N, C-alpha and C. Protein backbone atom coordinates (compact mmCIF):
# COMPACT_ATOMS: atom_id res chain seq x y z
N UNK A 1 81.77 40.34 102.19
CA UNK A 1 82.07 39.32 102.24
C UNK A 1 82.18 39.37 100.81
N UNK A 2 84.10 38.81 100.56
CA UNK A 2 84.10 38.66 98.78
C UNK A 2 83.34 37.54 98.08
N UNK A 3 83.93 37.48 96.63
CA UNK A 3 82.45 37.08 95.67
C UNK A 3 83.68 35.77 95.86
N UNK A 4 84.22 35.31 95.92
CA UNK A 4 84.66 34.41 96.00
C UNK A 4 84.02 33.41 97.81
N UNK A 5 83.55 34.09 98.91
CA UNK A 5 83.38 33.17 99.76
C UNK A 5 81.36 33.21 99.52
N UNK A 6 80.92 34.15 99.02
CA UNK A 6 79.63 34.45 98.66
C UNK A 6 79.68 32.71 98.12
N UNK A 7 80.33 32.75 96.42
CA UNK A 7 80.19 31.81 95.57
C UNK A 7 80.26 30.01 96.36
N UNK A 8 81.63 30.06 97.58
CA UNK A 8 82.61 28.96 98.41
C UNK A 8 80.23 28.37 98.84
N UNK A 9 80.08 29.85 99.68
CA UNK A 9 79.14 29.32 100.82
C UNK A 9 78.00 28.64 99.88
N UNK A 10 77.53 29.15 99.03
CA UNK A 10 77.06 28.78 97.72
C UNK A 10 76.93 27.33 97.54
N UNK A 11 77.91 26.90 97.65
CA UNK A 11 78.07 25.75 97.34
C UNK A 11 78.52 24.68 98.62
N UNK A 12 78.05 25.07 99.17
CA UNK A 12 78.65 23.89 101.08
C UNK A 12 76.89 24.28 101.15
N UNK A 13 75.80 25.29 100.75
CA UNK A 13 74.80 24.89 101.14
C UNK A 13 74.19 23.95 99.97
N UNK A 14 74.48 24.17 98.98
CA UNK A 14 73.53 23.86 97.48
C UNK A 14 74.00 21.98 97.87
N UNK A 15 74.62 21.14 98.86
CA UNK A 15 75.67 20.45 99.33
C UNK A 15 74.33 20.05 99.90
N UNK A 16 73.77 20.48 101.22
CA UNK A 16 73.17 19.60 102.37
C UNK A 16 71.62 20.46 101.21
N UNK A 17 70.38 19.20 102.16
CA UNK A 17 69.16 19.32 102.60
C UNK A 17 68.35 20.72 102.85
N UNK A 18 68.04 20.79 102.16
CA UNK A 18 66.94 22.57 102.76
C UNK A 18 66.31 22.64 103.99
N UNK A 19 65.59 20.93 104.37
CA UNK A 19 65.12 21.57 105.53
C UNK A 19 66.16 21.21 106.37
N UNK A 20 66.96 21.48 107.02
CA UNK A 20 67.76 20.88 107.70
C UNK A 20 68.57 22.67 107.38
N UNK A 21 68.77 22.42 106.78
CA UNK A 21 69.43 24.26 106.30
C UNK A 21 67.95 25.67 107.20
N UNK A 22 67.23 25.55 107.39
CA UNK A 22 66.28 27.27 107.00
C UNK A 22 65.65 26.23 108.36
N UNK A 23 65.37 27.89 109.31
CA UNK A 23 65.64 29.04 109.36
C UNK A 23 67.08 29.18 109.30
N UNK A 24 68.30 30.15 108.23
CA UNK A 24 69.43 30.51 108.22
C UNK A 24 69.17 31.83 109.26
N UNK A 25 69.94 32.06 109.89
CA UNK A 25 70.39 32.80 110.60
C UNK A 25 72.01 33.56 109.90
N UNK A 26 71.50 34.97 109.05
CA UNK A 26 73.20 35.52 108.97
C UNK A 26 73.70 36.69 109.69
N UNK A 27 74.31 36.46 110.78
CA UNK A 27 74.56 37.13 111.69
C UNK A 27 76.09 38.40 111.07
N UNK A 28 75.56 39.62 111.42
CA UNK A 28 76.59 40.00 110.58
C UNK A 28 76.09 41.15 109.30
N UNK A 29 75.28 40.34 109.06
CA UNK A 29 74.50 40.36 108.07
C UNK A 29 74.82 41.95 106.94
N UNK A 30 75.23 42.83 107.44
CA UNK A 30 75.18 44.07 107.04
C UNK A 30 73.41 45.03 106.90
N UNK A 31 73.50 45.36 105.91
CA UNK A 31 71.84 45.53 105.13
C UNK A 31 71.77 46.28 103.64
N UNK A 32 70.21 45.59 103.70
CA UNK A 32 70.04 46.04 101.93
C UNK A 32 71.04 46.47 100.82
N UNK A 33 71.21 47.99 101.47
CA UNK A 33 72.25 48.84 100.63
C UNK A 33 73.59 47.91 100.23
N UNK A 34 74.39 47.61 101.62
CA UNK A 34 75.61 45.96 101.63
C UNK A 34 75.61 44.52 100.44
N UNK A 35 74.14 44.54 101.43
CA UNK A 35 73.64 42.71 100.09
C UNK A 35 73.98 43.37 99.80
N UNK A 36 72.87 44.19 98.84
CA UNK A 36 73.17 44.32 97.11
C UNK A 36 73.30 45.42 96.38
N UNK A 37 73.82 46.74 96.90
CA UNK A 37 74.45 47.30 96.11
C UNK A 37 75.99 47.59 95.91
N UNK A 38 76.14 47.49 97.72
CA UNK A 38 77.87 47.90 97.73
C UNK A 38 78.75 46.67 97.61
N UNK A 39 77.98 45.70 97.59
CA UNK A 39 78.73 44.46 97.27
C UNK A 39 77.54 42.80 96.96
N UNK A 40 76.86 43.47 95.62
CA UNK A 40 75.30 42.81 95.14
C UNK A 40 75.74 41.26 94.27
N UNK A 41 76.90 40.94 94.74
CA UNK A 41 77.29 39.13 94.54
C UNK A 41 76.99 38.58 95.71
N UNK A 42 76.71 39.08 96.77
CA UNK A 42 76.29 38.42 98.23
C UNK A 42 75.00 38.38 98.17
N UNK A 43 74.04 39.07 97.36
CA UNK A 43 72.67 39.24 96.70
C UNK A 43 72.62 37.79 96.09
N UNK A 44 73.19 38.40 95.14
CA UNK A 44 73.18 37.28 93.65
C UNK A 44 73.91 36.37 93.05
N UNK A 45 74.99 35.67 94.69
CA UNK A 45 75.53 34.41 94.39
C UNK A 45 75.78 33.70 95.94
N UNK A 46 74.50 34.34 96.52
CA UNK A 46 74.46 33.58 98.19
C UNK A 46 72.88 33.37 98.56
N UNK A 47 72.35 34.46 98.64
CA UNK A 47 70.81 34.76 98.90
C UNK A 47 69.31 34.75 97.81
N UNK A 48 69.77 34.53 97.24
CA UNK A 48 69.20 35.20 95.56
C UNK A 48 68.68 33.12 95.64
N UNK A 49 69.49 32.45 95.51
CA UNK A 49 69.47 30.99 95.31
C UNK A 49 68.41 30.52 96.64
N UNK A 50 69.22 30.76 97.63
CA UNK A 50 67.96 30.49 98.74
C UNK A 50 66.78 30.35 98.78
N UNK A 51 66.66 32.15 97.81
CA UNK A 51 65.29 31.53 98.02
C UNK A 51 64.39 31.56 96.69
N UNK A 52 64.89 31.14 95.92
CA UNK A 52 64.97 30.14 94.75
C UNK A 52 64.63 28.85 95.11
N UNK A 53 65.16 28.71 96.08
CA UNK A 53 65.18 27.08 97.27
C UNK A 53 63.58 27.59 98.46
N UNK A 54 63.35 29.02 98.49
CA UNK A 54 62.00 28.82 99.37
C UNK A 54 62.69 29.00 100.89
N UNK A 55 64.15 28.66 100.92
CA UNK A 55 64.81 28.94 101.48
C UNK A 55 64.34 30.04 102.79
N UNK A 56 64.34 30.13 103.95
CA UNK A 56 64.33 31.56 105.40
C UNK A 56 65.49 32.05 105.86
N UNK A 57 65.72 32.99 105.18
CA UNK A 57 66.94 33.90 106.16
C UNK A 57 66.78 35.40 106.92
N UNK A 58 67.48 34.84 108.19
CA UNK A 58 67.47 36.40 109.14
C UNK A 58 68.26 36.74 109.00
N UNK A 59 68.37 38.10 108.74
CA UNK A 59 69.61 38.70 107.92
C UNK A 59 69.55 39.41 109.90
N UNK A 60 70.49 39.63 110.58
CA UNK A 60 70.86 39.70 111.87
C UNK A 60 71.92 41.20 111.89
N UNK A 61 71.96 42.10 112.49
CA UNK A 61 72.32 43.21 112.78
C UNK A 61 73.01 43.29 113.86
N UNK A 62 73.22 44.11 114.45
CA UNK A 62 73.11 45.13 115.31
C UNK A 62 73.51 46.91 115.31
N UNK A 63 72.56 47.34 113.67
CA UNK A 63 72.63 48.70 113.32
C UNK A 63 71.15 48.00 113.08
N UNK A 64 69.85 48.64 113.19
CA UNK A 64 69.14 48.26 112.15
C UNK A 64 69.17 49.66 110.99
N UNK A 65 68.11 48.64 110.27
CA UNK A 65 68.47 49.26 108.58
C UNK A 65 67.32 48.10 107.89
N UNK A 66 67.41 48.86 106.77
CA UNK A 66 66.20 47.99 105.55
C UNK A 66 66.88 46.75 105.59
N UNK A 67 66.26 46.08 105.54
CA UNK A 67 66.79 44.23 104.86
C UNK A 67 67.17 43.26 106.77
N UNK A 68 67.16 44.07 107.35
CA UNK A 68 67.56 43.68 108.63
C UNK A 68 66.27 43.12 109.69
N UNK A 69 66.38 42.02 110.12
CA UNK A 69 64.86 41.49 110.08
C UNK A 69 65.61 41.86 112.03
N UNK A 70 67.05 41.04 112.23
CA UNK A 70 66.46 41.62 114.09
C UNK A 70 67.71 42.44 114.57
N UNK A 71 67.65 42.76 115.30
CA UNK A 71 68.32 44.10 115.53
C UNK A 71 68.83 43.40 116.88
N UNK A 72 70.42 43.37 116.82
CA UNK A 72 70.87 42.99 118.05
C UNK A 72 72.73 42.50 118.54
N UNK A 73 73.06 42.85 119.69
CA UNK A 73 74.87 42.47 119.79
C UNK A 73 74.70 40.87 120.02
N UNK A 74 75.48 40.68 118.80
CA UNK A 74 75.66 39.60 119.08
C UNK A 74 76.90 39.18 120.24
N UNK A 75 77.15 39.84 120.87
CA UNK A 75 78.02 39.15 122.16
C UNK A 75 77.03 39.46 123.17
N UNK A 76 75.24 40.20 123.12
CA UNK A 76 74.45 39.75 123.95
C UNK A 76 73.69 38.82 124.54
N UNK A 77 73.78 38.32 125.50
CA UNK A 77 72.86 37.49 126.36
C UNK A 77 71.67 37.08 125.38
N UNK A 78 70.87 38.14 125.55
CA UNK A 78 69.64 38.48 125.62
C UNK A 78 69.14 38.12 124.24
N UNK A 79 70.38 39.40 123.35
CA UNK A 79 69.95 39.04 121.70
C UNK A 79 69.54 37.95 121.23
N UNK A 80 70.58 36.95 121.82
CA UNK A 80 70.81 35.35 120.94
C UNK A 80 69.87 34.88 121.91
N UNK A 81 69.02 34.54 123.26
CA UNK A 81 68.00 35.09 123.70
C UNK A 81 67.11 34.24 122.85
N UNK A 82 66.29 35.85 122.31
CA UNK A 82 65.33 35.99 121.69
C UNK A 82 65.71 35.53 120.41
N UNK A 83 66.46 34.44 119.64
CA UNK A 83 66.62 34.54 118.62
C UNK A 83 66.03 32.90 118.50
N UNK A 84 65.93 31.97 119.60
CA UNK A 84 65.76 31.01 119.91
C UNK A 84 64.18 30.59 119.17
N UNK A 85 63.49 31.71 119.14
CA UNK A 85 61.67 31.64 118.82
C UNK A 85 61.90 31.57 117.54
N UNK A 86 62.43 31.44 116.58
CA UNK A 86 62.63 31.36 115.14
C UNK A 86 63.08 30.52 115.03
N UNK A 87 63.36 29.65 116.16
CA UNK A 87 63.16 28.17 115.37
C UNK A 87 65.43 27.97 114.67
N UNK A 88 65.72 27.97 114.22
CA UNK A 88 67.13 28.25 113.97
C UNK A 88 67.88 26.90 113.27
N UNK A 89 68.50 27.07 112.21
CA UNK A 89 68.55 25.89 111.83
C UNK A 89 70.21 25.69 111.42
N UNK A 90 70.43 27.06 110.60
CA UNK A 90 71.72 27.29 110.29
C UNK A 90 72.50 29.09 110.60
N UNK A 91 73.59 29.19 111.09
CA UNK A 91 73.59 29.86 111.95
C UNK A 91 75.15 30.33 109.64
N UNK A 92 74.94 31.53 109.47
CA UNK A 92 75.88 32.00 108.60
C UNK A 92 76.84 33.40 109.52
N UNK A 93 77.81 33.61 109.89
CA UNK A 93 78.85 34.62 110.47
C UNK A 93 79.25 34.33 109.32
N UNK A 94 79.91 35.72 108.85
CA UNK A 94 81.47 36.12 107.51
C UNK A 94 81.71 37.44 108.00
N UNK A 95 82.91 36.54 108.27
CA UNK A 95 83.98 38.39 109.06
C UNK A 95 83.40 39.24 109.66
N UNK A 96 83.20 38.04 110.65
CA UNK A 96 82.71 38.88 112.66
C UNK A 96 83.71 39.00 112.72
N UNK A 97 83.90 37.13 113.30
CA UNK A 97 84.98 36.86 114.87
C UNK A 97 85.98 38.20 114.43
N UNK A 98 86.84 38.68 113.69
CA UNK A 98 87.48 39.91 113.46
C UNK A 98 86.91 40.85 114.68
N UNK A 99 85.78 40.76 114.17
CA UNK A 99 85.36 42.22 115.39
C UNK A 99 84.50 41.75 117.08
N UNK A 100 85.02 40.81 116.69
CA UNK A 100 84.79 40.89 118.13
C UNK A 100 85.45 40.47 119.24
N UNK A 101 85.52 40.69 121.02
CA UNK A 101 86.11 41.11 121.74
C UNK A 101 86.97 39.38 122.58
N UNK A 102 85.19 39.08 123.01
CA UNK A 102 85.48 37.87 123.42
C UNK A 102 85.00 36.66 122.68
N UNK A 103 85.51 36.54 121.59
CA UNK A 103 85.22 35.83 120.51
C UNK A 103 84.88 33.48 121.33
N UNK A 104 85.93 33.41 122.97
CA UNK A 104 85.00 32.39 122.99
C UNK A 104 83.81 32.08 123.46
N UNK A 105 83.21 33.59 123.79
CA UNK A 105 82.05 33.33 124.41
C UNK A 105 81.16 33.35 123.42
N UNK A 106 81.35 34.47 121.83
CA UNK A 106 80.17 34.26 120.52
C UNK A 106 80.36 33.11 119.46
N UNK A 107 81.36 32.15 120.27
CA UNK A 107 81.66 30.86 119.41
C UNK A 107 80.51 30.31 120.56
N UNK A 108 80.48 30.71 121.35
CA UNK A 108 79.38 29.27 121.71
C UNK A 108 78.30 29.47 122.53
N UNK A 109 77.85 31.32 121.88
CA UNK A 109 76.55 31.44 121.76
C UNK A 109 76.37 31.28 120.77
N UNK A 110 76.81 31.33 119.75
CA UNK A 110 76.54 30.79 117.65
C UNK A 110 75.90 29.14 117.96
N UNK A 111 76.78 28.58 118.79
CA UNK A 111 77.13 26.46 118.79
C UNK A 111 75.07 26.89 119.61
N UNK A 112 74.89 27.66 120.73
CA UNK A 112 73.91 27.45 121.33
C UNK A 112 72.53 27.69 120.90
N UNK A 113 72.81 28.79 119.62
CA UNK A 113 71.22 28.72 119.02
C UNK A 113 70.64 27.59 118.53
N UNK A 114 72.11 26.92 117.83
CA UNK A 114 71.60 25.89 116.72
C UNK A 114 70.72 23.98 117.82
N UNK A 115 70.29 23.64 117.07
CA UNK A 115 69.81 22.28 117.31
C UNK A 115 70.96 21.50 116.83
N UNK A 116 70.78 20.23 117.47
CA UNK A 116 71.66 18.76 116.95
C UNK A 116 71.01 18.78 116.54
N UNK A 117 72.21 18.71 115.22
CA UNK A 117 72.52 18.28 113.96
C UNK A 117 72.22 19.72 112.97
N UNK A 118 72.05 20.70 113.44
CA UNK A 118 72.47 22.23 112.38
C UNK A 118 73.78 21.99 112.44
N UNK A 119 74.06 23.33 111.22
CA UNK A 119 74.62 24.04 110.46
C UNK A 119 75.86 25.27 110.64
N UNK A 120 76.76 24.97 111.28
CA UNK A 120 77.85 26.81 110.78
C UNK A 120 78.49 27.23 110.56
N UNK A 121 77.92 27.80 109.32
CA UNK A 121 78.92 28.57 108.03
C UNK A 121 79.97 29.76 108.70
N UNK A 122 81.27 29.53 108.44
CA UNK A 122 82.03 30.79 109.85
C UNK A 122 82.78 31.04 108.82
N UNK A 123 83.28 32.04 108.21
CA UNK A 123 84.44 32.57 107.63
C UNK A 123 85.57 33.62 108.40
N UNK A 124 86.62 34.56 107.98
CA UNK A 124 87.47 35.12 108.21
C UNK A 124 88.33 35.18 107.96
N UNK A 125 89.13 36.77 108.17
CA UNK A 125 89.73 37.17 107.02
C UNK A 125 91.68 35.95 107.45
N UNK A 126 92.31 35.68 106.56
CA UNK A 126 93.08 34.97 106.57
C UNK A 126 94.61 35.39 106.98
N UNK A 127 94.32 37.01 105.59
CA UNK A 127 95.19 37.57 105.13
C UNK A 127 94.43 38.53 104.65
N UNK A 128 94.29 40.16 106.17
CA UNK A 128 93.54 40.94 105.15
C UNK A 128 94.16 42.27 105.94
N UNK A 129 93.89 43.55 105.48
CA UNK A 129 94.15 44.36 106.57
C UNK A 129 93.19 44.66 107.32
N UNK A 130 94.17 45.94 108.07
CA UNK A 130 93.10 46.04 110.40
C UNK A 130 92.08 46.82 109.04
N UNK A 131 90.74 46.79 109.67
CA UNK A 131 89.48 47.16 109.14
C UNK A 131 88.54 47.33 110.47
N UNK A 132 88.30 48.76 110.87
CA UNK A 132 87.54 48.14 112.48
C UNK A 132 86.18 49.26 112.07
N UNK A 133 85.27 48.31 112.90
CA UNK A 133 84.16 48.30 112.74
C UNK A 133 82.81 47.41 113.33
N UNK A 134 82.90 47.93 114.87
CA UNK A 134 84.06 49.06 114.84
C UNK A 134 85.38 49.05 115.47
N UNK A 135 85.72 47.26 115.62
CA UNK A 135 87.13 46.89 116.89
C UNK A 135 87.87 45.60 115.12
N UNK A 136 88.90 45.65 115.27
CA UNK A 136 89.18 44.53 114.81
C UNK A 136 90.18 44.04 115.76
N UNK A 137 90.23 42.64 116.23
CA UNK A 137 91.10 42.21 117.35
C UNK A 137 92.12 41.67 115.83
N UNK A 138 91.57 41.51 115.02
CA UNK A 138 93.52 41.39 113.99
C UNK A 138 93.70 39.94 113.79
N UNK A 139 92.85 38.97 114.07
CA UNK A 139 92.02 37.82 114.16
C UNK A 139 92.54 37.69 112.99
N UNK A 140 93.18 36.96 112.40
CA UNK A 140 93.79 35.70 111.17
C UNK A 140 94.10 34.43 110.83
N UNK A 141 93.08 33.71 111.76
CA UNK A 141 93.60 32.56 111.64
C UNK A 141 93.39 31.80 110.45
N UNK A 142 94.25 30.41 110.61
CA UNK A 142 94.52 29.35 109.42
C UNK A 142 93.21 28.20 110.24
N UNK A 143 93.61 27.47 109.08
CA UNK A 143 92.11 26.31 109.94
C UNK A 143 91.82 26.27 111.30
N UNK A 144 93.12 25.69 111.86
CA UNK A 144 93.14 24.48 112.67
C UNK A 144 92.78 25.90 113.94
N UNK A 145 93.17 27.12 113.96
CA UNK A 145 92.83 27.84 115.04
C UNK A 145 91.39 28.13 114.74
N UNK A 146 90.48 28.47 114.13
CA UNK A 146 89.15 28.05 113.59
C UNK A 146 89.12 27.31 113.98
N UNK A 147 89.08 26.04 113.71
CA UNK A 147 88.52 24.76 114.12
C UNK A 147 87.99 24.59 115.59
N UNK A 148 89.23 25.64 116.82
CA UNK A 148 89.80 25.17 117.86
C UNK A 148 88.25 25.77 118.48
N UNK A 149 88.17 27.05 117.92
CA UNK A 149 86.41 28.00 118.86
C UNK A 149 85.88 26.37 119.25
N UNK A 150 85.72 25.60 118.09
CA UNK A 150 84.03 25.12 117.88
C UNK A 150 85.02 23.60 118.11
N UNK A 151 85.17 23.15 119.54
CA UNK A 151 85.33 22.23 120.03
C UNK A 151 83.71 21.35 120.29
N UNK A 152 83.80 20.05 119.93
CA UNK A 152 82.71 19.20 119.70
C UNK A 152 81.64 19.61 118.54
N UNK A 153 82.44 19.94 117.38
CA UNK A 153 80.92 19.58 116.60
C UNK A 153 82.68 18.90 115.25
N UNK A 154 81.99 19.04 114.09
CA UNK A 154 82.86 18.20 113.20
C UNK A 154 82.92 19.22 112.40
N UNK A 155 83.81 19.64 111.54
CA UNK A 155 83.63 20.28 109.97
C UNK A 155 83.50 19.36 109.30
N UNK A 156 82.79 19.60 108.33
CA UNK A 156 82.68 19.07 107.61
C UNK A 156 83.48 19.39 106.14
N UNK A 157 83.77 21.11 105.72
CA UNK A 157 84.31 21.66 105.05
C UNK A 157 85.69 22.33 105.25
N UNK A 158 86.43 22.54 104.90
CA UNK A 158 87.07 23.68 104.84
C UNK A 158 88.39 24.43 104.63
N UNK A 159 88.16 25.79 104.09
CA UNK A 159 89.17 25.99 102.76
C UNK A 159 89.75 27.86 103.31
N UNK A 160 91.10 27.59 103.54
CA UNK A 160 91.58 28.94 102.68
C UNK A 160 91.79 29.49 101.19
N UNK A 161 90.81 30.32 101.03
CA UNK A 161 90.24 30.99 99.85
C UNK A 161 91.22 31.95 99.12
N UNK A 162 91.99 31.47 98.22
CA UNK A 162 93.14 32.92 97.36
C UNK A 162 91.62 34.56 97.08
N UNK A 163 91.76 35.38 97.80
CA UNK A 163 90.94 36.00 96.92
C UNK A 163 91.35 37.16 96.46
N UNK A 164 92.49 37.10 96.70
CA UNK A 164 93.63 38.05 95.41
C UNK A 164 93.96 39.91 96.42
N UNK A 165 94.36 41.11 95.50
CA UNK A 165 94.89 41.46 96.20
C UNK A 165 94.02 42.67 96.91
N UNK A 166 94.37 43.90 97.47
CA UNK A 166 93.23 44.61 97.74
C UNK A 166 93.13 45.90 96.06
N UNK A 167 93.86 45.41 95.82
CA UNK A 167 93.43 45.95 94.68
C UNK A 167 92.67 45.54 93.66
N UNK A 168 92.42 43.80 93.87
CA UNK A 168 91.52 42.80 92.37
C UNK A 168 90.02 43.25 94.15
N UNK A 169 89.95 43.99 94.51
CA UNK A 169 88.82 44.31 95.46
C UNK A 169 88.75 45.86 95.04
N UNK A 170 89.62 46.20 94.80
CA UNK A 170 88.92 47.87 94.92
C UNK A 170 88.42 47.63 92.81
N UNK A 171 88.92 46.55 91.66
CA UNK A 171 88.10 46.73 90.28
C UNK A 171 87.07 46.15 90.71
N UNK A 172 86.63 45.25 91.95
CA UNK A 172 84.94 45.13 92.04
C UNK A 172 84.31 46.30 93.09
N UNK A 173 85.20 46.48 93.91
CA UNK A 173 84.69 47.74 94.65
C UNK A 173 85.01 49.15 94.07
N UNK A 174 85.25 49.76 93.22
CA UNK A 174 86.18 51.22 93.21
C UNK A 174 86.38 51.92 93.76
N UNK A 175 84.92 52.30 94.17
CA UNK A 175 84.56 53.51 95.74
C UNK A 175 85.78 53.16 96.62
N UNK A 176 86.15 51.98 96.86
CA UNK A 176 87.48 51.51 98.30
C UNK A 176 88.25 52.44 97.55
N UNK A 177 89.06 53.18 96.51
CA UNK A 177 89.82 53.18 96.01
C UNK A 177 90.53 53.84 96.36
N UNK A 178 89.53 55.74 97.46
CA UNK A 178 90.11 56.61 97.89
C UNK A 178 91.31 56.18 99.41
N UNK A 179 91.08 55.12 99.56
CA UNK A 179 91.01 54.77 100.65
C UNK A 179 92.69 54.10 100.79
N UNK A 180 93.00 53.16 99.03
CA UNK A 180 94.48 53.35 98.59
C UNK A 180 95.56 54.93 98.58
N UNK A 181 95.17 55.70 98.29
CA UNK A 181 95.85 57.01 98.75
C UNK A 181 95.55 57.46 99.78
N UNK A 182 95.05 57.42 100.55
CA UNK A 182 94.44 58.32 101.49
C UNK A 182 93.84 57.50 102.49
N UNK A 183 94.94 56.39 103.23
CA UNK A 183 94.92 54.84 104.19
C UNK A 183 95.05 55.63 105.73
N UNK A 184 95.40 56.94 106.36
CA UNK A 184 95.44 57.46 106.59
C UNK A 184 94.15 58.56 107.19
N UNK A 185 93.68 59.02 106.92
CA UNK A 185 92.65 59.14 106.45
C UNK A 185 91.79 58.90 107.63
N UNK A 186 90.50 59.37 108.37
CA UNK A 186 89.93 58.68 109.11
C UNK A 186 89.95 57.19 108.80
N UNK A 187 90.85 56.55 109.57
CA UNK A 187 91.60 55.10 109.79
C UNK A 187 90.45 53.79 109.96
N UNK A 188 89.46 54.31 111.24
CA UNK A 188 88.42 53.71 111.72
C UNK A 188 86.98 53.43 110.75
N UNK A 189 86.96 54.78 109.82
CA UNK A 189 85.68 53.98 108.76
C UNK A 189 86.18 54.26 107.26
N UNK A 190 87.20 53.83 107.31
CA UNK A 190 87.48 52.42 105.88
C UNK A 190 87.34 51.41 106.90
């Protein structure tokens, strides 16, 4: 998640009443190392303000690790059914859709998690290089394409954010610098 995305999500969440949002399920969350160390703005800009509001967030990822509350495959119906017991009121799905082979089924599953009036927060790259984790379908939608994945819902806010260039990303995360000079070396790991 880029800094601008975290700030955009925070602003949207602040516009909504807390009881309508929590618990919030963060799908494809990455672990604490990812959210607090590698990309510390995710916690600082997005999740710390939620904690200050006494909001409950469940972090879901396919790989177990520190700070992962729910381990499960976002495409697996059995994994998603168990989430109903948590009483999810909102779902955050940031930069996941480009890693899902059956987007339509995934989007239906996300909507099925939500009660009537629930909130779905979605982001995905509009322009970004290939990045397998474990796959990248190169889904880079415009707003109308993203909106079409969630029929019978109301879009409250949508925007294509200017996230800068890859060089700007390297400035925020210097450990990405080798990727610039060695993009051909083990590209799946990048």
